[in-house]
Amino acid sequence: MLRQDDQIPLYIQLKESLRSSILNGELKYGDKIPTEAELSEDFKISRITVRKAILELVEEGYLVKRQGKGTFVNKRKIERKIVHFLSFSDACKANGLTASSKVIKKEIIQPTAKDKELLQLDEGDALLFIQRVRYAGDSPIMIENNYYSYKKFHILLNEDLEGSVYKVMEEKLNIKPRGSWETTLEIVRASEDEVTLLNTSSGEPLFYMDTTVYDENNEPVHRGKQYILGDSYKFIFQQ
């Protein structure tokens, strides 16, 4: 049971209890966890508290929600840090290819708790979401979903971003991206949106990269969620 008089918030206690059950094998891959109502009754806590714990476990990859079916234990993934930073434009250049981009979306949206943490957003700040398809030569290679502090990077709304965004940042804002934090890489299957934008087949394997890029002053520049054609890209890990 949870400790009502403990200094640790109840949602964190529940989150750690569920995560411990997953890690020690009590809850296995594919198992359906109890509903919010059931967990609320079992642990004598509010459904809002339960929901907060579940959402954090989903965001961290321990659980997955399936529409109309419930919440299930997700497959465990092996994690490995990516320590080398090289922009897409520089990577193309190094391989004798010309990089270009097609801007798909520019939107102002509300940040998640994770966005606020990773991008160190001020209270009341919004996100500038920019989606582009990146090309190497004539071939679409990557769907680039980047999230910026609107307060800091709103000028990008009115910039031509068919070339290098980093070059625009350096010239207009004197900001020079230099590295990445919290980078994860996994394999996913192409959904309808990715099939259309990358001109590929449904179910085609894609690299999914979630990363946060920082500048030379160790300040966050943007969060990126990128979908990259698996048969067109190779990552080299270096210490």
C-alpha atoms as a PDB file:
ATOM      1  CA  MET A   1       0.000   0.000   0.000  1.00  0.00           C
ATOM      2  CA  LEU A   2       0.983   3.633  -0.435  1.00  0.00           C
ATOM      3  CA  ARG A   3       2.112   5.725   2.521  1.00  0.00           C
ATOM      4  CA  GLN A   4      -0.380   8.591   2.880  1.00  0.00           C
ATOM      5  CA  ASP A   5       1.786  10.442   5.431  1.00  0.00           C
ATOM      6  CA  ASP A   6       5.026  10.162   3.420  1.00  0.00           C
ATOM      7  CA  GLN A   7       6.766  13.235   1.955  1.00  0.00           C
ATOM      8  CA  ILE A   8       6.982  11.453  -1.417  1.00  0.00           C
ATOM      9  CA  PRO A   9       3.930  12.379  -3.554  1.00  0.00           C
ATOM     10  CA  LEU A  10       1.377   9.595  -3.955  1.00  0.00           C
ATOM     11  CA  TYR A  11       1.609   9.534  -7.753  1.00  0.00           C
ATOM     12  CA  ILE A  12       5.374   8.926  -7.526  1.00  0.00           C
ATOM     13  CA  GLN A  13       4.836   6.138  -4.993  1.00  0.00           C
ATOM     14  CA  LEU A  14       2.336   4.484  -7.350  1.00  0.00           C
ATOM     15  CA  LYS A  15       4.598   5.033 -10.350  1.00  0.00           C
ATOM     16  CA  GLU A  16       7.558   3.405  -8.577  1.00  0.00           C
ATOM     17  CA  SER A  17       5.402   0.518  -7.393  1.00  0.00           C
ATOM     18  CA  LEU A  18       4.239  -0.232 -10.945  1.00  0.00           C
ATOM     19  CA  ARG A  19       7.708   0.232 -12.413  1.00  0.00           C
ATOM     20  CA  SER A  20       9.166  -2.133  -9.806  1.00  0.00           C
ATOM     21  CA  SER A  21       6.546  -4.746 -10.740  1.00  0.00           C
ATOM     22  CA  ILE A  22       7.563  -4.405 -14.403  1.00  0.00           C
ATOM     23  CA  LEU A  23      11.303  -4.595 -13.738  1.00  0.00           C
ATOM     24  CA  ASN A  24      11.087  -7.610 -11.423  1.00  0.00           C
ATOM     25  CA  GLY A  25       8.831  -9.518 -13.826  1.00  0.00           C
ATOM     26  CA  GLU A  26       5.596  -9.456 -11.847  1.00  0.00           C
ATOM     27  CA  LEU A  27       4.111  -7.527 -14.776  1.00  0.00           C
ATOM     28  CA  LYS A  28       5.343  -8.903 -18.102  1.00  0.00           C
ATOM     29  CA  TYR A  29       5.377  -7.596 -21.670  1.00  0.00           C
ATOM     30  CA  GLY A  30       1.838  -7.574 -23.024  1.00  0.00           C
ATOM     31  CA  ASP A  31       0.124  -7.725 -19.619  1.00  0.00           C
ATOM     32  CA  LYS A  32      -2.831  -5.390 -19.247  1.00  0.00           C
ATOM     33  CA  ILE A  33      -2.643  -3.310 -16.083  1.00  0.00           C
ATOM     34  CA  PRO A  34      -5.756  -2.510 -14.001  1.00  0.00           C
ATOM     35  CA  THR A  35      -7.928   0.415 -15.075  1.00  0.00           C
ATOM     36  CA  GLU A  36      -7.626   3.865 -13.487  1.00  0.00           C
ATOM     37  CA  ALA A  37     -10.799   3.167 -11.500  1.00  0.00           C
ATOM     38  CA  GLU A  38      -9.466  -0.166 -10.247  1.00  0.00           C
ATOM     39  CA  LEU A  39      -6.082   1.281  -9.258  1.00  0.00           C
ATOM     40  CA  SER A  40      -7.821   4.194  -7.561  1.00  0.00           C
ATOM     41  CA  GLU A  41      -9.909   1.790  -5.472  1.00  0.00           C
ATOM     42  CA  ASP A  42      -7.037  -0.628  -4.757  1.00  0.00           C
ATOM     43  CA  PHE A  43      -4.633   2.084  -3.565  1.00  0.00           C
ATOM     44  CA  LYS A  44      -7.242   4.422  -2.017  1.00  0.00           C
ATOM     45  CA  ILE A  45      -6.145   7.410  -4.094  1.00  0.00           C
ATOM     46  CA  SER A  46      -7.830   9.709  -6.624  1.00  0.00           C
ATOM     47  CA  ARG A  47      -8.082   8.865 -10.323  1.00  0.00           C
ATOM     48  CA  ILE A  48      -6.194  12.099 -11.087  1.00  0.00           C
ATOM     49  CA  THR A  49      -3.260  10.773  -9.037  1.00  0.00           C
ATOM     50  CA  VAL A  50      -3.432   7.420 -10.842  1.00  0.00           C
ATOM     51  CA  ARG A  51      -3.610   9.112 -14.246  1.00  0.00           C
ATOM     52  CA  LYS A  52      -0.501  11.197 -13.565  1.00  0.00           C
ATOM     53  CA  ALA A  53       1.527   8.097 -12.603  1.00  0.00           C
ATOM     54  CA  ILE A  54       0.325   6.189 -15.685  1.00  0.00           C
ATOM     55  CA  LEU A  55       1.063   9.044 -18.089  1.00  0.00           C
ATOM     56  CA  GLU A  56       4.641   9.336 -16.823  1.00  0.00           C
ATOM     57  CA  LEU A  57       5.200   5.581 -17.235  1.00  0.00           C
ATOM     58  CA  VAL A  58       3.805   5.808 -20.790  1.00  0.00           C
ATOM     59  CA  GLU A  59       6.095   8.738 -21.594  1.00  0.00           C
ATOM     60  CA  GLU A  60       9.093   6.812 -20.217  1.00  0.00           C
ATOM     61  CA  GLY A  61       8.221   3.767 -22.333  1.00  0.00           C
ATOM     62  CA  TYR A  62       7.234   1.305 -19.592  1.00  0.00           C
ATOM     63  CA  LEU A  63       3.557   1.274 -20.584  1.00  0.00           C
ATOM     64  CA  VAL A  64       1.647   1.756 -23.827  1.00  0.00           C
ATOM     65  CA  LYS A  65      -1.979   2.861 -24.255  1.00  0.00           C
ATOM     66  CA  ARG A  66      -4.127   1.127 -26.870  1.00  0.00           C
ATOM     67  CA  GLN A  67      -7.263   2.970 -27.916  1.00  0.00           C
ATOM     68  CA  GLY A  68     -10.386   1.218 -26.658  1.00  0.00           C
ATOM     69  CA  LYS A  69      -8.411  -1.677 -25.163  1.00  0.00           C
ATOM     70  CA  GLY A  70      -6.549  -0.331 -22.130  1.00  0.00           C
ATOM     71  CA  THR A  71      -2.977   0.155 -20.939  1.00  0.00           C
ATOM     72  CA  PHE A  72      -0.366  -2.573 -21.359  1.00  0.00           C
ATOM     73  CA  VAL A  73       3.214  -3.300 -20.323  1.00  0.00           C
ATOM     74  CA  ASN A  74       5.496  -2.251 -23.157  1.00  0.00           C
ATOM     75  CA  LYS A  75       8.385  -4.270 -24.559  1.00  0.00           C
ATOM     76  CA  ARG A  76      11.684  -3.576 -22.792  1.00  0.00           C
ATOM     77  CA  LYS A  77      14.218  -1.792 -24.974  1.00  0.00           C
ATOM     78  CA  ILE A  78      17.995  -1.824 -24.755  1.00  0.00           C
ATOM     79  CA  GLU A  79      19.287   1.726 -24.337  1.00  0.00           C
ATOM     80  CA  ARG A  80      22.550   3.064 -25.676  1.00  0.00           C
ATOM     81  CA  LYS A  81      23.707   6.653 -25.672  1.00  0.00           C
ATOM     82  CA  ILE A  82      24.615   8.439 -28.896  1.00  0.00           C
ATOM     83  CA  VAL A  83      27.483  10.768 -28.091  1.00  0.00           C
ATOM     84  CA  HIS A  84      28.489  12.157 -31.476  1.00  0.00           C
ATOM     85  CA  PHE A  85      26.765  15.248 -32.923  1.00  0.00           C
ATOM     86  CA  LEU A  86      26.602  15.952 -36.637  1.00  0.00           C
ATOM     87  CA  SER A  87      23.839  17.898 -38.383  1.00  0.00           C
ATOM     88  CA  PHE A  88      21.954  16.330 -41.292  1.00  0.00           C
ATOM     89  CA  SER A  89      23.376  18.941 -43.696  1.00  0.00           C
ATOM     90  CA  ASP A  90      26.944  18.185 -42.575  1.00  0.00           C
ATOM     91  CA  ALA A  91      26.324  14.434 -42.759  1.00  0.00           C
ATOM     92  CA  CYS A  92      25.119  14.773 -46.366  1.00  0.00           C
ATOM     93  CA  LYS A  93      28.101  16.938 -47.245  1.00  0.00           C
ATOM     94  CA  ALA A  94      30.493  14.390 -45.725  1.00  0.00           C
ATOM     95  CA  ASN A  95      28.944  11.739 -47.979  1.00  0.00           C
ATOM     96  CA  GLY A  96      29.077  13.827 -51.157  1.00  0.00           C
ATOM     97  CA  LEU A  97      25.346  14.609 -51.207  1.00  0.00           C
ATOM     98  CA  THR A  98      23.415  17.873 -51.246  1.00  0.00           C
ATOM     99  CA  ALA A  99      20.934  18.395 -48.399  1.00  0.00           C
ATOM    100  CA  SER A 100      17.640  20.212 -48.888  1.00  0.00           C
ATOM    101  CA  SER A 101      14.316  20.499 -47.073  1.00  0.00           C
ATOM    102  CA  LYS A 102      10.598  20.898 -47.632  1.00  0.00           C
ATOM    103  CA  VAL A 103       8.700  22.656 -44.851  1.00  0.00           C
ATOM    104  CA  ILE A 104       5.469  20.811 -44.017  1.00  0.00           C
ATOM    105  CA  LYS A 105       4.252  22.603 -40.881  1.00  0.00           C
ATOM    106  CA  LYS A 106       4.954  25.640 -38.725  1.00  0.00           C
ATOM    107  CA  GLU A 107       2.694  25.720 -35.669  1.00  0.00           C
ATOM    108  CA  ILE A 108       2.548  27.206 -32.192  1.00  0.00           C
ATOM    109  CA  ILE A 109       1.530  24.511 -29.683  1.00  0.00           C
ATOM    110  CA  GLN A 110       1.479  23.918 -25.937  1.00  0.00           C
ATOM    111  CA  PRO A 111       4.456  22.086 -24.368  1.00  0.00           C
ATOM    112  CA  THR A 112       4.257  18.877 -22.380  1.00  0.00           C
ATOM    113  CA  ALA A 113       5.853  18.562 -18.951  1.00  0.00           C
ATOM    114  CA  LYS A 114       8.784  16.769 -20.601  1.00  0.00           C
ATOM    115  CA  ASP A 115       9.205  19.595 -23.141  1.00  0.00           C
ATOM    116  CA  LYS A 116       9.255  22.172 -20.344  1.00  0.00           C
ATOM    117  CA  GLU A 117      11.926  20.195 -18.506  1.00  0.00           C
ATOM    118  CA  LEU A 118      14.198  19.464 -21.471  1.00  0.00           C
ATOM    119  CA  LEU A 119      13.943  22.918 -23.051  1.00  0.00           C
ATOM    120  CA  GLN A 120      13.988  24.777 -19.714  1.00  0.00           C
ATOM    121  CA  LEU A 121      10.968  26.821 -20.774  1.00  0.00           C
ATOM    122  CA  ASP A 122       9.849  29.900 -18.869  1.00  0.00           C
ATOM    123  CA  GLU A 123       6.363  29.917 -17.365  1.00  0.00           C
ATOM    124  CA  GLY A 124       3.845  30.772 -20.062  1.00  0.00           C
ATOM    125  CA  ASP A 125       6.193  29.996 -22.961  1.00  0.00           C
ATOM    126  CA  ALA A 126       4.801  28.008 -25.893  1.00  0.00           C
ATOM    127  CA  LEU A 127       6.414  25.644 -28.397  1.00  0.00           C
ATOM    128  CA  LEU A 128       7.209  26.458 -32.005  1.00  0.00           C
ATOM    129  CA  PHE A 129       6.758  23.193 -33.903  1.00  0.00           C
ATOM    130  CA  ILE A 130       8.460  22.949 -37.297  1.00  0.00           C
ATOM    131  CA  GLN A 131       8.127  19.819 -39.414  1.00  0.00           C
ATOM    132  CA  ARG A 132      10.297  19.342 -42.484  1.00  0.00           C
ATOM    133  CA  VAL A 133      11.118  16.524 -44.861  1.00  0.00           C
ATOM    134  CA  ARG A 134      14.885  16.330 -45.343  1.00  0.00           C
ATOM    135  CA  TYR A 135      16.306  15.241 -48.685  1.00  0.00           C
ATOM    136  CA  ALA A 136      19.705  13.853 -49.624  1.00  0.00           C
ATOM    137  CA  GLY A 137      19.958  14.686 -53.298  1.00  0.00           C
ATOM    138  CA  ASP A 138      16.495  13.939 -54.741  1.00  0.00           C
ATOM    139  CA  SER A 139      15.568  11.310 -52.142  1.00  0.00           C
ATOM    140  CA  PRO A 140      13.499  11.983 -48.999  1.00  0.00           C
ATOM    141  CA  ILE A 141      15.408  10.542 -46.049  1.00  0.00           C
ATOM    142  CA  MET A 142      14.005  12.000 -42.856  1.00  0.00           C
ATOM    143  CA  ILE A 143      10.914  13.569 -41.314  1.00  0.00           C
ATOM    144  CA  GLU A 144      12.280  16.183 -38.949  1.00  0.00           C
ATOM    145  CA  ASN A 145       9.932  17.215 -36.120  1.00  0.00           C
ATOM    146  CA  ASN A 146      11.627  19.969 -34.119  1.00  0.00           C
ATOM    147  CA  TYR A 147      10.237  21.796 -31.084  1.00  0.00           C
ATOM    148  CA  TYR A 148      11.622  25.181 -30.046  1.00  0.00           C
ATOM    149  CA  SER A 149      10.914  27.756 -27.362  1.00  0.00           C
ATOM    150  CA  TYR A 150       8.535  30.152 -29.103  1.00  0.00           C
ATOM    151  CA  LYS A 151       9.785  33.026 -26.953  1.00  0.00           C
ATOM    152  CA  LYS A 152      13.367  32.460 -28.036  1.00  0.00           C
ATOM    153  CA  PHE A 153      12.976  31.258 -31.639  1.00  0.00           C
ATOM    154  CA  HIS A 154       9.758  32.890 -32.943  1.00  0.00           C
ATOM    155  CA  ILE A 155      11.682  34.535 -35.815  1.00  0.00           C
ATOM    156  CA  LEU A 156      11.881  31.104 -37.471  1.00  0.00           C
ATOM    157  CA  LEU A 157       8.191  31.465 -38.338  1.00  0.00           C
ATOM    158  CA  ASN A 158       9.105  34.013 -41.004  1.00  0.00           C
ATOM    159  CA  GLU A 159      12.371  32.494 -42.233  1.00  0.00           C
ATOM    160  CA  ASP A 160      13.006  30.390 -45.338  1.00  0.00           C
ATOM    161  CA  LEU A 161      13.906  27.024 -43.819  1.00  0.00           C
ATOM    162  CA  GLU A 162      14.525  25.008 -46.976  1.00  0.00           C
ATOM    163  CA  GLY A 163      18.237  25.121 -46.194  1.00  0.00           C
ATOM    164  CA  SER A 164      20.000  24.777 -42.842  1.00  0.00           C
ATOM    165  CA  VAL A 165      18.040  25.980 -39.794  1.00  0.00           C
ATOM    166  CA  TYR A 166      21.280  25.993 -37.825  1.00  0.00           C
ATOM    167  CA  LYS A 167      22.797  28.423 -40.310  1.00  0.00           C
ATOM    168  CA  VAL A 168      19.787  30.729 -39.874  1.00  0.00           C
ATOM    169  CA  MET A 169      20.191  30.538 -36.091  1.00  0.00           C
ATOM    170  CA  GLU A 170      23.860  31.394 -36.295  1.00  0.00           C
ATOM    171  CA  GLU A 171      23.341  34.326 -38.674  1.00  0.00           C
ATOM    172  CA  LYS A 172      20.186  35.808 -37.118  1.00  0.00           C
ATOM    173  CA  LEU A 173      20.460  34.874 -33.430  1.00  0.00           C
ATOM    174  CA  ASN A 174      24.163  34.149 -32.946  1.00  0.00           C
ATOM    175  CA  ILE A 175      23.232  30.695 -31.623  1.00  0.00           C
ATOM    176  CA  LYS A 176      25.481  27.790 -32.579  1.00  0.00           C
ATOM    177  CA  PRO A 177      24.160  24.253 -31.915  1.00  0.00           C
ATOM    178  CA  ARG A 178      27.015  22.090 -30.695  1.00  0.00           C
ATOM    179  CA  GLY A 179      25.807  18.806 -29.201  1.00  0.00           C
ATOM    180  CA  SER A 180      22.905  16.660 -28.012  1.00  0.00           C
ATOM    181  CA  TRP A 181      21.454  15.479 -24.695  1.00  0.00           C
ATOM    182  CA  GLU A 182      19.088  12.663 -23.797  1.00  0.00           C
ATOM    183  CA  THR A 183      19.299  11.017 -27.219  1.00  0.00           C
ATOM    184  CA  THR A 184      17.486   7.719 -27.776  1.00  0.00           C
ATOM    185  CA  LEU A 185      17.266   5.652 -30.949  1.00  0.00           C
ATOM    186  CA  GLU A 186      14.843   2.842 -31.737  1.00  0.00           C
ATOM    187  CA  ILE A 187      13.184   1.052 -34.652  1.00  0.00           C
ATOM    188  CA  VAL A 188       9.538   1.755 -35.545  1.00  0.00           C
ATOM    189  CA  ARG A 189       7.336   0.909 -38.523  1.00  0.00           C
ATOM    190  CA  ALA A 190       6.184   3.519 -41.024  1.00  0.00           C
ATOM    191  CA  SER A 191       2.603   4.675 -40.467  1.00  0.00           C
ATOM    192  CA  GLU A 192       0.346   6.401 -43.005  1.00  0.00           C
ATOM    193  CA  ASP A 193       1.903   9.847 -42.479  1.00  0.00           C
ATOM    194  CA  GLU A 194       5.470   8.569 -42.808  1.00  0.00           C
ATOM    195  CA  VAL A 195       4.563   6.521 -45.908  1.00  0.00           C
ATOM    196  CA  THR A 196       3.249   9.651 -47.639  1.00  0.00           C
ATOM    197  CA  LEU A 197       6.049  12.037 -46.661  1.00  0.00           C
ATOM    198  CA  LEU A 198       8.932   9.611 -47.224  1.00  0.00           C
ATOM    199  CA  ASN A 199       7.445   7.903 -50.302  1.00  0.00           C
ATOM    200  CA  THR A 200       7.942   4.496 -48.732  1.00  0.00           C
ATOM    201  CA  SER A 201       5.889   1.383 -47.994  1.00  0.00           C
ATOM    202  CA  SER A 202       3.561   0.804 -45.055  1.00  0.00           C
ATOM    203  CA  GLY A 203       5.412  -0.987 -42.262  1.00  0.00           C
ATOM    204  CA  GLU A 204       8.859  -0.045 -43.597  1.00  0.00           C
ATOM    205  CA  PRO A 205      11.408   0.036 -40.725  1.00  0.00           C
ATOM    206  CA  LEU A 206      12.398   3.546 -39.649  1.00  0.00           C
ATOM    207  CA  PHE A 207      14.854   4.843 -37.104  1.00  0.00           C
ATOM    208  CA  TYR A 208      13.045   6.984 -34.532  1.00  0.00           C
ATOM    209  CA  MET A 209      15.369   9.426 -32.784  1.00  0.00           C
ATOM    210  CA  ASP A 210      14.338  11.552 -29.810  1.00  0.00           C
ATOM    211  CA  THR A 211      17.022  14.081 -28.948  1.00  0.00           C
ATOM    212  CA  THR A 212      17.602  17.468 -27.347  1.00  0.00           C
ATOM    213  CA  VAL A 213      20.202  19.718 -28.977  1.00  0.00           C
ATOM    214  CA  TYR A 214      22.149  22.324 -27.019  1.00  0.00           C
ATOM    215  CA  ASP A 215      24.384  25.255 -27.973  1.00  0.00           C
ATOM    216  CA  GLU A 216      27.963  26.217 -27.131  1.00  0.00           C
ATOM    217  CA  ASN A 217      26.747  27.682 -23.823  1.00  0.00           C
ATOM    218  CA  ASN A 218      25.063  24.392 -22.852  1.00  0.00           C
ATOM    219  CA  GLU A 219      21.612  25.928 -23.273  1.00  0.00           C
ATOM    220  CA  PRO A 220      18.857  23.889 -24.993  1.00  0.00           C
ATOM    221  CA  VAL A 221      18.128  24.780 -28.621  1.00  0.00           C
ATOM    222  CA  HIS A 222      15.394  22.340 -29.592  1.00  0.00           C
ATOM    223  CA  ARG A 223      13.891  18.937 -28.998  1.00  0.00           C
ATOM    224  CA  GLY A 224      13.821  16.704 -32.081  1.00  0.00           C
ATOM    225  CA  LYS A 225      11.649  13.689 -32.880  1.00  0.00           C
ATOM    226  CA  GLN A 226      12.976  12.376 -36.183  1.00  0.00           C
ATOM    227  CA  TYR A 227      11.837   9.504 -38.412  1.00  0.00           C
ATOM    228  CA  ILE A 228      14.636   8.263 -40.684  1.00  0.00           C
ATOM    229  CA  LEU A 229      14.502   5.648 -43.461  1.00  0.00           C
ATOM    230  CA  GLY A 230      16.211   2.550 -42.128  1.00  0.00           C
ATOM    231  CA  ASP A 231      17.617   1.462 -45.485  1.00  0.00           C
ATOM    232  CA  SER A 232      19.171   4.871 -46.194  1.00  0.00           C
ATOM    233  CA  TYR A 233      20.993   5.680 -42.978  1.00  0.00           C
ATOM    234  CA  LYS A 234      23.727   4.154 -40.872  1.00  0.00           C
ATOM    235  CA  PHE A 235      24.718   5.375 -37.419  1.00  0.00           C
ATOM    236  CA  ILE A 236      28.329   5.032 -36.257  1.00  0.00           C
ATOM    237  CA  PHE A 237      28.882   5.104 -32.502  1.00  0.00           C
ATOM    238  CA  GLN A 238      32.100   6.595 -31.197  1.00  0.00           C
ATOM    239  CA  GLN A 239      33.397   7.188 -27.696  1.00  0.00           C
END
